């Protein structure tokens, strides 16, 4: 896991298929989106996820850019959703 920007993190999953990556992302979103304790001053944390999967020999920077683009699109569509880069 890597800190990318103020509110953006990247997670690289190695040796997993698309279905497993989607399931991990779904569970991560569900866990992180649960109601936060009142002492933190937040009622709900919203998570948007962009997924990219290796299909052949793809440059890692290209995969990251695809996933980042999908996450940006998820945020633009209202957030609290998951999109897969095509």
Protein backbone atom coordinates (compact mmCIF):
# COMPACT_ATOMS: atom_id res chain seq x y z
CA UNK A 1 0.00 0.00 0.00
CA UNK A 2 1.29 3.47 -0.86
CA UNK A 3 0.27 7.01 0.02
CA UNK A 4 -0.22 8.83 -3.29
CA UNK A 5 -1.81 12.18 -2.39
CA UNK A 6 -3.83 13.93 0.33
CA UNK A 7 -6.72 11.48 0.12
CA UNK A 8 -5.42 8.87 -2.31
CA UNK A 9 -3.78 5.53 -1.63
CA UNK A 10 -2.67 2.78 -3.98
CA UNK A 11 -2.72 -0.93 -3.25
CA UNK A 12 -0.88 -3.40 -5.46
CA UNK A 13 -2.19 -6.95 -5.40
CA UNK A 14 0.24 -9.54 -6.74
CA UNK A 15 -0.72 -12.92 -8.20
CA UNK A 16 -4.49 -12.44 -7.97
CA UNK A 17 -7.07 -12.74 -10.72
CA UNK A 18 -9.62 -10.04 -11.55
CA UNK A 19 -12.37 -11.67 -9.51
CA UNK A 20 -10.18 -11.83 -6.40
CA UNK A 21 -8.99 -8.23 -6.87
CA UNK A 22 -12.61 -7.09 -7.17
CA UNK A 23 -13.60 -9.06 -4.06
CA UNK A 24 -10.70 -7.66 -2.02
CA UNK A 25 -11.58 -4.14 -3.14
CA UNK A 26 -15.26 -4.66 -2.31
CA UNK A 27 -14.42 -5.94 1.19
CA UNK A 28 -11.92 -3.13 1.76
CA UNK A 29 -14.52 -0.53 0.76
CA UNK A 30 -17.15 -2.11 3.01
CA UNK A 31 -14.81 -2.20 6.00
CA UNK A 32 -13.49 1.33 5.54
CA UNK A 33 -16.92 2.79 4.77
CA UNK A 34 -18.46 1.70 8.07
CA UNK A 35 -19.63 4.45 10.40
CA UNK A 36 -16.66 6.01 12.13
CA UNK A 37 -16.51 6.57 15.92
CA UNK A 38 -17.98 9.97 16.92
CA UNK A 39 -14.72 11.04 18.59
CA UNK A 40 -13.10 11.17 15.14
CA UNK A 41 -15.60 13.82 14.04
CA UNK A 42 -16.69 11.85 10.99
CA UNK A 43 -20.05 10.23 10.46
CA UNK A 44 -19.29 8.25 7.33
CA UNK A 45 -16.15 7.63 5.32
CA UNK A 46 -16.74 7.24 1.58
CA UNK A 47 -14.35 5.15 -0.52
CA UNK A 48 -13.98 5.28 -4.31
CA UNK A 49 -11.89 2.57 -5.98
CA UNK A 50 -10.34 2.33 -9.42
CA UNK A 51 -9.14 -1.11 -10.54
CA UNK A 52 -6.69 -2.04 -13.26
CA UNK A 53 -5.59 -5.59 -14.03
CA UNK A 54 -2.58 -6.83 -15.94
CA UNK A 55 -3.57 -8.40 -19.22
CA UNK A 56 -0.38 -9.31 -20.98
CA UNK A 57 2.83 -7.36 -20.63
CA UNK A 58 1.68 -3.91 -19.51
CA UNK A 59 3.92 -1.20 -18.10
CA UNK A 60 3.26 -0.81 -14.33
CA UNK A 61 3.06 2.97 -14.76
CA UNK A 62 0.34 2.46 -17.37
CA UNK A 63 -1.59 0.15 -15.02
CA UNK A 64 -1.36 2.75 -12.24
CA UNK A 65 -2.53 5.51 -14.60
CA UNK A 66 -5.50 3.35 -15.70
CA UNK A 67 -6.48 2.59 -12.09
CA UNK A 68 -6.07 6.24 -11.09
CA UNK A 69 -8.25 7.31 -14.00
CA UNK A 70 -10.96 4.82 -13.01
CA UNK A 71 -10.83 6.07 -9.41
CA UNK A 72 -11.11 9.69 -10.61
CA UNK A 73 -14.14 8.74 -12.74
CA UNK A 74 -15.70 6.96 -9.72
CA UNK A 75 -15.30 10.15 -7.68
CA UNK A 76 -16.74 12.29 -10.49
CA UNK A 77 -19.80 10.02 -10.62
CA UNK A 78 -20.60 10.79 -7.00
CA UNK A 79 -18.04 8.73 -5.12
CA UNK A 80 -18.57 5.67 -2.93
CA UNK A 81 -18.23 3.36 -5.92
CA UNK A 82 -15.80 1.10 -7.72
CA UNK A 83 -14.89 1.27 -11.41
CA UNK A 84 -12.68 -1.03 -13.45
CA UNK A 85 -10.36 0.46 -16.09
CA UNK A 86 -10.99 -0.98 -19.54
